[in-house]
Amino acid sequence: METPTPAAPVKSGKMGCGAIMAIILVCVILLAIGSNQGIKYYFTHCPDGEIFDCFLNKVEDKAPEGAVTATGEYTYKGYSVTITANIPLEGGAVTGTVSGTCDGAVKGSFSGQNNGAISGTMTGVCSPFFINVPAAAKFNGTVNKDSKTVPFSFTGQGAGISHSGSTSLAY
């Protein structure tokens, strides 16, 4: 009688523990990166709106007619931001953006007079270490129509750190 030859081992199709852990780790990393970018988008485009409206609707921020665009830069400890503000010279709502180490929106109002008061808020996120941290600042200053400058001071905070400073925009 012949002895039967042993059959090749049958693979059951099971994944090892290491492969499952690798897949879970990749999913967690992708989720963390996605939520970090979601936080950045929300605080940059619509910090005072509903979160679902923000993600579902495109936010358009146009300069009002008769407005000038004032820009300037602020640097602190090697980090810098560029501030752009659309200022209606007859007075009214001020809009704009902050970009650089921090990204966000500028909202405020201007009285309309030469050397008139301008005030408002800058909101957004700062990412000095690849993590988006919500930040906000209140500002106030003047609009000098003769020299075409907008000197202002601000006080802001984010991640438990407060900072005050001043800068000037030009148009």
N, C-alpha and C. Protein backbone atom coordinates (compact mmCIF):
# COMPACT_ATOMS: atom_id res chain seq x y z
N MET A 1 0.80 -1.16 0.00
CA MET A 1 0.00 0.00 0.00
C MET A 1 0.86 1.24 0.00
N GLU A 2 0.37 2.21 -0.73
CA GLU A 2 1.10 3.46 -0.84
C GLU A 2 0.71 4.40 0.29
N THR A 3 1.70 5.12 0.77
CA THR A 3 1.39 6.11 1.80
C THR A 3 1.01 7.42 1.11
N PRO A 4 -0.03 8.03 1.59
CA PRO A 4 -0.45 9.29 0.95
C PRO A 4 0.57 10.40 1.24
N THR A 5 0.75 11.27 0.25
CA THR A 5 1.65 12.41 0.41
C THR A 5 0.91 13.50 1.18
N PRO A 6 1.61 14.14 2.08
CA PRO A 6 0.93 15.18 2.85
C PRO A 6 0.54 16.35 1.96
N ALA A 7 -0.63 16.90 2.19
CA ALA A 7 -1.14 18.03 1.41
C ALA A 7 -0.48 19.31 1.91
N ALA A 8 -0.41 20.30 1.03
CA ALA A 8 0.15 21.60 1.40
C ALA A 8 -0.77 22.25 2.43
N PRO A 9 -0.20 23.00 3.39
CA PRO A 9 -1.04 23.64 4.39
C PRO A 9 -2.00 24.63 3.74
N VAL A 10 -3.18 24.66 4.23
CA VAL A 10 -4.22 25.55 3.70
C VAL A 10 -4.16 26.86 4.48
N LYS A 11 -4.12 28.00 3.76
CA LYS A 11 -4.11 29.31 4.41
C LYS A 11 -5.56 29.69 4.69
N SER A 12 -5.76 30.18 5.88
CA SER A 12 -7.13 30.50 6.27
C SER A 12 -7.55 31.92 5.88
N GLY A 13 -6.62 32.75 5.41
CA GLY A 13 -6.97 34.10 5.00
C GLY A 13 -7.01 35.08 6.16
N LYS A 14 -6.51 34.72 7.30
CA LYS A 14 -6.51 35.61 8.45
C LYS A 14 -5.31 36.54 8.39
N MET A 15 -5.53 37.79 8.81
CA MET A 15 -4.45 38.76 8.88
C MET A 15 -3.81 38.67 10.25
N GLY A 16 -2.54 38.96 10.29
CA GLY A 16 -1.85 38.96 11.57
C GLY A 16 -2.17 40.20 12.37
N CYS A 17 -1.85 40.18 13.62
CA CYS A 17 -2.11 41.29 14.53
C CYS A 17 -1.33 42.53 14.11
N GLY A 18 -0.12 42.35 13.63
CA GLY A 18 0.70 43.49 13.19
C GLY A 18 0.09 44.23 12.03
N ALA A 19 -0.47 43.50 11.06
CA ALA A 19 -1.09 44.14 9.89
C ALA A 19 -2.33 44.93 10.30
N ILE A 20 -3.12 44.38 11.21
CA ILE A 20 -4.32 45.08 11.67
C ILE A 20 -3.93 46.36 12.42
N MET A 21 -2.93 46.28 13.26
CA MET A 21 -2.47 47.46 14.00
C MET A 21 -1.94 48.53 13.05
N ALA A 22 -1.26 48.12 11.98
CA ALA A 22 -0.74 49.08 11.01
C ALA A 22 -1.89 49.80 10.31
N ILE A 23 -2.94 49.07 9.96
CA ILE A 23 -4.11 49.69 9.31
C ILE A 23 -4.79 50.66 10.27
N ILE A 24 -4.94 50.28 11.52
CA ILE A 24 -5.57 51.16 12.51
C ILE A 24 -4.72 52.42 12.70
N LEU A 25 -3.40 52.28 12.77
CA LEU A 25 -2.51 53.41 12.94
C LEU A 25 -2.62 54.38 11.76
N VAL A 26 -2.66 53.87 10.55
CA VAL A 26 -2.81 54.72 9.37
C VAL A 26 -4.15 55.46 9.43
N CYS A 27 -5.22 54.78 9.82
CA CYS A 27 -6.53 55.43 9.92
C CYS A 27 -6.53 56.54 10.97
N VAL A 28 -5.90 56.31 12.11
CA VAL A 28 -5.83 57.33 13.17
C VAL A 28 -5.03 58.54 12.69
N ILE A 29 -3.93 58.31 11.99
CA ILE A 29 -3.12 59.42 11.47
C ILE A 29 -3.91 60.23 10.46
N LEU A 30 -4.60 59.56 9.54
CA LEU A 30 -5.41 60.27 8.55
C LEU A 30 -6.54 61.06 9.21
N LEU A 31 -7.15 60.50 10.22
CA LEU A 31 -8.21 61.20 10.94
C LEU A 31 -7.66 62.43 11.64
N ALA A 32 -6.49 62.32 12.26
CA ALA A 32 -5.89 63.46 12.95
C ALA A 32 -5.53 64.57 11.97
N ILE A 33 -4.96 64.22 10.84
CA ILE A 33 -4.60 65.22 9.84
C ILE A 33 -5.87 65.88 9.28
N GLY A 34 -6.87 65.10 9.00
CA GLY A 34 -8.12 65.65 8.47
C GLY A 34 -8.82 66.56 9.45
N SER A 35 -8.87 66.18 10.72
CA SER A 35 -9.54 67.03 11.70
C SER A 35 -8.73 68.30 11.94
N ASN A 36 -7.42 68.23 11.88
CA ASN A 36 -6.57 69.41 12.03
C ASN A 36 -6.84 70.40 10.89
N GLN A 37 -6.96 69.90 9.66
CA GLN A 37 -7.27 70.77 8.53
C GLN A 37 -8.70 71.29 8.60
N GLY A 38 -9.62 70.49 9.11
CA GLY A 38 -11.00 70.95 9.29
C GLY A 38 -11.08 72.10 10.28
N ILE A 39 -10.34 72.01 11.36
CA ILE A 39 -10.30 73.10 12.35
C ILE A 39 -9.74 74.35 11.70
N LYS A 40 -8.69 74.19 10.92
CA LYS A 40 -8.09 75.35 10.24
C LYS A 40 -9.10 76.00 9.31
N TYR A 41 -9.80 75.22 8.50
CA TYR A 41 -10.76 75.78 7.56
C TYR A 41 -11.87 76.51 8.31
N TYR A 42 -12.41 75.90 9.35
CA TYR A 42 -13.53 76.51 10.08
C TYR A 42 -13.11 77.85 10.70
N PHE A 43 -12.00 77.88 11.44
CA PHE A 43 -11.60 79.10 12.12
C PHE A 43 -11.05 80.15 11.15
N THR A 44 -10.64 79.75 9.97
CA THR A 44 -10.16 80.70 8.97
C THR A 44 -11.31 81.34 8.20
N HIS A 45 -12.33 80.56 7.88
CA HIS A 45 -13.39 81.07 7.01
C HIS A 45 -14.66 81.51 7.71
N CYS A 46 -15.02 80.93 8.81
CA CYS A 46 -16.30 81.30 9.43
C CYS A 46 -16.35 80.94 10.90
N PRO A 47 -15.55 81.62 11.73
CA PRO A 47 -15.51 81.27 13.15
C PRO A 47 -16.78 81.62 13.91
N ASP A 48 -17.60 82.50 13.37
CA ASP A 48 -18.81 82.89 14.09
C ASP A 48 -20.07 82.30 13.47
N GLY A 49 -19.92 81.37 12.53
CA GLY A 49 -21.07 80.73 11.89
C GLY A 49 -21.26 79.31 12.36
N GLU A 50 -22.30 78.68 11.87
CA GLU A 50 -22.55 77.28 12.17
C GLU A 50 -21.54 76.41 11.41
N ILE A 51 -21.07 75.37 12.05
CA ILE A 51 -20.02 74.54 11.45
C ILE A 51 -20.51 73.83 10.18
N PHE A 52 -21.74 73.33 10.18
CA PHE A 52 -22.22 72.64 8.98
C PHE A 52 -22.46 73.60 7.84
N ASP A 53 -22.98 74.80 8.14
CA ASP A 53 -23.14 75.81 7.09
C ASP A 53 -21.79 76.20 6.52
N CYS A 54 -20.78 76.27 7.37
CA CYS A 54 -19.45 76.65 6.92
C CYS A 54 -18.89 75.63 5.93
N PHE A 55 -19.00 74.34 6.29
CA PHE A 55 -18.42 73.31 5.43
C PHE A 55 -19.25 73.07 4.16
N LEU A 56 -20.54 73.35 4.22
CA LEU A 56 -21.39 73.08 3.06
C LEU A 56 -21.50 74.26 2.10
N ASN A 57 -21.29 75.47 2.58
CA ASN A 57 -21.43 76.66 1.74
C ASN A 57 -20.08 77.32 1.55
N LYS A 58 -19.84 77.78 0.34
CA LYS A 58 -18.62 78.48 0.05
C LYS A 58 -18.75 79.91 0.58
N VAL A 59 -17.75 80.37 1.31
CA VAL A 59 -17.77 81.71 1.88
C VAL A 59 -17.06 82.65 0.92
N GLU A 60 -17.74 83.71 0.51
CA GLU A 60 -17.13 84.69 -0.36
C GLU A 60 -17.06 86.01 0.37
N ASP A 61 -15.88 86.59 0.41
CA ASP A 61 -15.66 87.84 1.11
C ASP A 61 -15.16 88.86 0.10
N LYS A 62 -16.05 89.71 -0.40
CA LYS A 62 -15.69 90.70 -1.39
C LYS A 62 -15.54 92.07 -0.73
N ALA A 63 -14.62 92.85 -1.27
CA ALA A 63 -14.43 94.20 -0.76
C ALA A 63 -15.62 95.07 -1.16
N PRO A 64 -16.11 95.89 -0.23
CA PRO A 64 -17.22 96.78 -0.58
C PRO A 64 -16.78 97.81 -1.61
N GLU A 65 -17.74 98.32 -2.37
CA GLU A 65 -17.44 99.33 -3.39
C GLU A 65 -16.94 100.60 -2.69
N GLY A 66 -15.92 101.24 -3.24
CA GLY A 66 -15.35 102.44 -2.65
C GLY A 66 -14.38 102.16 -1.52
N ALA A 67 -13.99 100.91 -1.36
CA ALA A 67 -13.07 100.54 -0.28
C ALA A 67 -11.64 100.52 -0.80
N VAL A 68 -10.71 100.73 0.10
CA VAL A 68 -9.29 100.58 -0.22
C VAL A 68 -8.80 99.32 0.47
N THR A 69 -7.73 98.76 -0.07
CA THR A 69 -7.14 97.56 0.51
C THR A 69 -5.84 97.95 1.18
N ALA A 70 -5.82 97.88 2.50
CA ALA A 70 -4.63 98.21 3.29
C ALA A 70 -3.95 96.92 3.71
N THR A 71 -2.63 96.89 3.59
CA THR A 71 -1.88 95.69 3.97
C THR A 71 -0.69 96.06 4.85
N GLY A 72 -0.27 95.11 5.64
CA GLY A 72 0.90 95.29 6.48
C GLY A 72 1.34 93.96 7.04
N GLU A 73 2.50 93.96 7.66
CA GLU A 73 3.04 92.72 8.21
C GLU A 73 3.38 92.93 9.68
N TYR A 74 3.17 91.88 10.46
CA TYR A 74 3.55 91.90 11.87
C TYR A 74 4.41 90.68 12.14
N THR A 75 5.55 90.88 12.80
CA THR A 75 6.48 89.79 13.11
C THR A 75 6.72 89.75 14.61
N TYR A 76 6.71 88.53 15.16
CA TYR A 76 6.96 88.34 16.58
C TYR A 76 7.72 87.02 16.76
N LYS A 77 8.89 87.10 17.35
CA LYS A 77 9.74 85.93 17.63
C LYS A 77 9.94 85.03 16.40
N GLY A 78 10.16 85.64 15.26
CA GLY A 78 10.41 84.88 14.05
C GLY A 78 9.17 84.42 13.29
N TYR A 79 8.00 84.62 13.85
CA TYR A 79 6.75 84.26 13.19
C TYR A 79 6.14 85.54 12.62
N SER A 80 5.59 85.45 11.41
CA SER A 80 5.03 86.66 10.81
C SER A 80 3.66 86.38 10.18
N VAL A 81 2.87 87.43 10.15
CA VAL A 81 1.57 87.38 9.49
C VAL A 81 1.43 88.61 8.61
N THR A 82 0.70 88.45 7.52
CA THR A 82 0.34 89.56 6.66
C THR A 82 -1.13 89.84 6.88
N ILE A 83 -1.44 91.09 7.19
CA ILE A 83 -2.82 91.50 7.46
C ILE A 83 -3.29 92.34 6.28
N THR A 84 -4.45 91.98 5.74
CA THR A 84 -5.06 92.71 4.64
C THR A 84 -6.47 93.11 5.07
N ALA A 85 -6.78 94.41 4.95
CA ALA A 85 -8.10 94.89 5.36
C ALA A 85 -8.72 95.72 4.25
N ASN A 86 -9.98 95.42 3.93
CA ASN A 86 -10.76 96.19 2.97
C ASN A 86 -11.54 97.23 3.75
N ILE A 87 -11.15 98.51 3.60
CA ILE A 87 -11.70 99.58 4.42
C ILE A 87 -12.50 100.53 3.54
N PRO A 88 -13.82 100.66 3.77
CA PRO A 88 -14.61 101.64 3.02
C PRO A 88 -14.29 103.04 3.55
N LEU A 89 -13.74 103.91 2.71
CA LEU A 89 -13.30 105.22 3.18
C LEU A 89 -14.45 106.12 3.63
N GLU A 90 -15.66 105.81 3.23
CA GLU A 90 -16.82 106.58 3.69
C GLU A 90 -17.34 106.05 5.03
N GLY A 91 -16.75 104.96 5.51
CA GLY A 91 -17.18 104.36 6.76
C GLY A 91 -18.00 103.11 6.51
N GLY A 92 -18.02 102.22 7.49
CA GLY A 92 -18.81 101.00 7.38
C GLY A 92 -18.03 99.77 7.79
N ALA A 93 -18.49 98.63 7.30
CA ALA A 93 -17.93 97.33 7.69
C ALA A 93 -16.56 97.11 7.05
N VAL A 94 -15.62 96.67 7.85
CA VAL A 94 -14.27 96.34 7.42
C VAL A 94 -14.15 94.82 7.35
N THR A 95 -13.61 94.31 6.25
CA THR A 95 -13.38 92.87 6.10
C THR A 95 -11.94 92.67 5.67
N GLY A 96 -11.46 91.44 5.77
CA GLY A 96 -10.12 91.17 5.32
C GLY A 96 -9.62 89.81 5.73
N THR A 97 -8.31 89.62 5.60
CA THR A 97 -7.70 88.32 5.89
C THR A 97 -6.39 88.49 6.66
N VAL A 98 -6.01 87.42 7.31
CA VAL A 98 -4.71 87.29 7.95
C VAL A 98 -4.08 86.04 7.35
N SER A 99 -2.83 86.12 6.94
CA SER A 99 -2.17 84.95 6.36
C SER A 99 -0.72 84.89 6.83
N GLY A 100 -0.15 83.72 6.76
CA GLY A 100 1.22 83.50 7.22
C GLY A 100 1.22 82.41 8.27
N THR A 101 1.90 82.64 9.39
CA THR A 101 1.90 81.68 10.49
C THR A 101 0.48 81.48 11.00
N CYS A 102 -0.31 82.53 10.97
CA CYS A 102 -1.73 82.47 11.33
C CYS A 102 -2.55 82.77 10.09
N ASP A 103 -3.66 82.06 9.93
CA ASP A 103 -4.60 82.30 8.83
C ASP A 103 -5.95 82.60 9.44
N GLY A 104 -6.63 83.60 8.89
CA GLY A 104 -7.93 83.92 9.45
C GLY A 104 -8.60 85.08 8.76
N ALA A 105 -9.59 85.64 9.46
CA ALA A 105 -10.42 86.70 8.91
C ALA A 105 -10.34 87.95 9.78
N VAL A 106 -10.52 89.09 9.13
CA VAL A 106 -10.58 90.38 9.80
C VAL A 106 -12.00 90.89 9.63
N LYS A 107 -12.62 91.30 10.74
CA LYS A 107 -13.95 91.89 10.69
C LYS A 107 -13.97 93.07 11.64
N GLY A 108 -14.55 94.17 11.20
CA GLY A 108 -14.59 95.35 12.06
C GLY A 108 -15.42 96.44 11.45
N SER A 109 -15.20 97.67 11.92
CA SER A 109 -15.93 98.83 11.41
C SER A 109 -15.03 100.05 11.44
N PHE A 110 -15.33 100.99 10.54
CA PHE A 110 -14.60 102.24 10.43
C PHE A 110 -15.60 103.38 10.43
N SER A 111 -15.28 104.45 11.17
CA SER A 111 -16.21 105.57 11.33
C SER A 111 -16.33 106.44 10.08
N GLY A 112 -15.30 106.51 9.24
CA GLY A 112 -15.38 107.26 7.99
C GLY A 112 -14.65 108.58 8.00
N GLN A 113 -14.32 109.14 9.16
CA GLN A 113 -13.62 110.43 9.21
C GLN A 113 -12.11 110.24 9.02
N ASN A 114 -11.43 111.36 8.63
CA ASN A 114 -9.98 111.32 8.59
C ASN A 114 -9.50 111.20 10.03
N ASN A 115 -8.58 110.30 10.26
CA ASN A 115 -8.13 109.93 11.61
C ASN A 115 -9.28 109.39 12.45
N GLY A 116 -10.25 108.79 11.78
CA GLY A 116 -11.40 108.19 12.45
C GLY A 116 -11.06 106.83 13.01
N ALA A 117 -11.89 106.39 13.93
CA ALA A 117 -11.65 105.13 14.64
C ALA A 117 -11.96 103.92 13.77
N ILE A 118 -11.07 102.93 13.89
CA ILE A 118 -11.29 101.62 13.29
C ILE A 118 -11.10 100.60 14.40
N SER A 119 -11.98 99.61 14.45
CA SER A 119 -11.87 98.57 15.48
C SER A 119 -12.50 97.29 14.97
N GLY A 120 -12.16 96.20 15.62
CA GLY A 120 -12.74 94.92 15.23
C GLY A 120 -11.98 93.75 15.80
N THR A 121 -12.12 92.61 15.13
CA THR A 121 -11.47 91.39 15.58
C THR A 121 -10.77 90.69 14.42
N MET A 122 -9.75 89.94 14.78
CA MET A 122 -9.08 89.04 13.85
C MET A 122 -9.21 87.66 14.47
N THR A 123 -9.77 86.71 13.73
CA THR A 123 -9.95 85.35 14.23
C THR A 123 -9.39 84.37 13.23
N GLY A 124 -8.94 83.24 13.72
CA GLY A 124 -8.40 82.21 12.83
C GLY A 124 -7.64 81.16 13.60
N VAL A 125 -6.64 80.61 12.95
CA VAL A 125 -5.80 79.59 13.56
C VAL A 125 -4.33 79.92 13.31
N CYS A 126 -3.51 79.57 14.27
CA CYS A 126 -2.06 79.71 14.13
C CYS A 126 -1.49 78.30 14.15
N SER A 127 -0.51 78.05 13.29
CA SER A 127 0.08 76.72 13.25
C SER A 127 1.60 76.81 13.25
N PRO A 128 2.17 77.23 14.38
CA PRO A 128 3.63 77.33 14.42
C PRO A 128 4.32 75.97 14.50
N PHE A 129 3.63 74.93 14.94
CA PHE A 129 4.24 73.61 15.09
C PHE A 129 3.46 72.52 14.36
N PHE A 130 2.83 72.84 13.24
CA PHE A 130 2.06 71.92 12.42
C PHE A 130 0.74 71.51 13.06
N ILE A 131 0.38 72.10 14.18
CA ILE A 131 -0.91 71.84 14.83
C ILE A 131 -1.68 73.15 14.79
N ASN A 132 -2.92 73.12 14.34
CA ASN A 132 -3.73 74.32 14.24
C ASN A 132 -4.32 74.68 15.59
N VAL A 133 -3.99 75.88 16.08
CA VAL A 133 -4.45 76.37 17.37
C VAL A 133 -5.37 77.56 17.12
N PRO A 134 -6.64 77.49 17.56
CA PRO A 134 -7.53 78.65 17.40
C PRO A 134 -6.96 79.87 18.13
N ALA A 135 -7.05 81.03 17.49
CA ALA A 135 -6.55 82.27 18.07
C ALA A 135 -7.48 83.41 17.68
N ALA A 136 -7.49 84.46 18.50
CA ALA A 136 -8.32 85.64 18.23
C ALA A 136 -7.64 86.87 18.80
N ALA A 137 -7.91 88.01 18.18
CA ALA A 137 -7.35 89.27 18.67
C ALA A 137 -8.37 90.38 18.44
N LYS A 138 -8.40 91.34 19.36
CA LYS A 138 -9.20 92.55 19.20
C LYS A 138 -8.24 93.67 18.84
N PHE A 139 -8.65 94.53 17.90
CA PHE A 139 -7.79 95.63 17.50
C PHE A 139 -8.56 96.94 17.51
N ASN A 140 -7.82 98.05 17.64
CA ASN A 140 -8.39 99.39 17.48
C ASN A 140 -7.27 100.34 17.08
N GLY A 141 -7.66 101.33 16.30
CA GLY A 141 -6.69 102.30 15.80
C GLY A 141 -7.38 103.40 15.05
N THR A 142 -6.66 104.00 14.10
CA THR A 142 -7.20 105.10 13.30
C THR A 142 -6.86 104.88 11.84
N VAL A 143 -7.63 105.55 10.98
CA VAL A 143 -7.35 105.55 9.55
C VAL A 143 -6.96 106.98 9.17
N ASN A 144 -5.71 107.16 8.80
CA ASN A 144 -5.22 108.48 8.40
C ASN A 144 -5.31 108.56 6.88
N LYS A 145 -6.31 109.28 6.39
CA LYS A 145 -6.54 109.36 4.95
C LYS A 145 -5.46 110.19 4.24
N ASP A 146 -4.82 111.12 4.95
CA ASP A 146 -3.78 111.94 4.33
C ASP A 146 -2.52 111.12 4.06
N SER A 147 -2.05 110.38 5.05
CA SER A 147 -0.83 109.58 4.85
C SER A 147 -1.12 108.17 4.34
N LYS A 148 -2.41 107.83 4.23
CA LYS A 148 -2.85 106.51 3.74
C LYS A 148 -2.27 105.38 4.59
N THR A 149 -2.34 105.58 5.91
CA THR A 149 -1.87 104.57 6.85
C THR A 149 -2.95 104.24 7.86
N VAL A 150 -2.85 103.04 8.43
CA VAL A 150 -3.80 102.57 9.44
C VAL A 150 -3.01 102.01 10.61
N PRO A 151 -2.53 102.88 11.52
CA PRO A 151 -1.84 102.35 12.69
C PRO A 151 -2.87 101.81 13.69
N PHE A 152 -2.58 100.64 14.26
CA PHE A 152 -3.50 100.08 15.25
C PHE A 152 -2.76 99.21 16.23
N SER A 153 -3.38 98.99 17.38
CA SER A 153 -2.85 98.10 18.39
C SER A 153 -3.82 96.95 18.58
N PHE A 154 -3.33 95.85 19.11
CA PHE A 154 -4.17 94.67 19.27
C PHE A 154 -3.78 93.90 20.51
N THR A 155 -4.72 93.11 20.98
CA THR A 155 -4.47 92.15 22.06
C THR A 155 -5.09 90.84 21.63
N GLY A 156 -4.28 89.79 21.61
CA GLY A 156 -4.76 88.50 21.14
C GLY A 156 -4.37 87.38 22.07
N GLN A 157 -5.03 86.24 21.85
CA GLN A 157 -4.68 85.06 22.63
C GLN A 157 -5.01 83.80 21.86
N GLY A 158 -4.27 82.75 22.19
CA GLY A 158 -4.46 81.43 21.61
C GLY A 158 -3.62 80.43 22.39
N ALA A 159 -4.15 79.28 22.62
CA ALA A 159 -3.47 78.20 23.36
C ALA A 159 -3.02 78.67 24.74
N GLY A 160 -3.81 79.53 25.37
CA GLY A 160 -3.49 80.00 26.70
C GLY A 160 -2.42 81.07 26.77
N ILE A 161 -1.96 81.55 25.63
CA ILE A 161 -0.93 82.58 25.58
C ILE A 161 -1.57 83.88 25.11
N SER A 162 -1.31 84.98 25.83
CA SER A 162 -1.81 86.30 25.44
C SER A 162 -0.64 87.14 24.94
N HIS A 163 -0.93 88.03 23.98
CA HIS A 163 0.11 88.90 23.43
C HIS A 163 -0.55 90.20 22.98
N SER A 164 0.12 91.30 23.26
CA SER A 164 -0.31 92.62 22.78
C SER A 164 0.79 93.18 21.90
N GLY A 165 0.37 93.95 20.90
CA GLY A 165 1.35 94.54 20.00
C GLY A 165 0.70 95.64 19.18
N SER A 166 1.46 96.18 18.25
CA SER A 166 0.94 97.20 17.35
C SER A 166 1.64 97.08 16.01
N THR A 167 0.97 97.55 14.99
CA THR A 167 1.53 97.55 13.63
C THR A 167 0.80 98.61 12.84
N SER A 168 1.17 98.76 11.59
CA SER A 168 0.51 99.74 10.74
C SER A 168 0.31 99.14 9.36
N LEU A 169 -0.86 99.39 8.80
CA LEU A 169 -1.18 98.97 7.44
C LEU A 169 -1.07 100.20 6.55
N ALA A 170 -0.84 99.99 5.27
CA ALA A 170 -0.75 101.08 4.30
C ALA A 170 -1.59 100.73 3.08
N TYR A 171 -2.14 101.77 2.45
CA TYR A 171 -2.90 101.56 1.20
C TYR A 171 -2.51 102.58 0.17
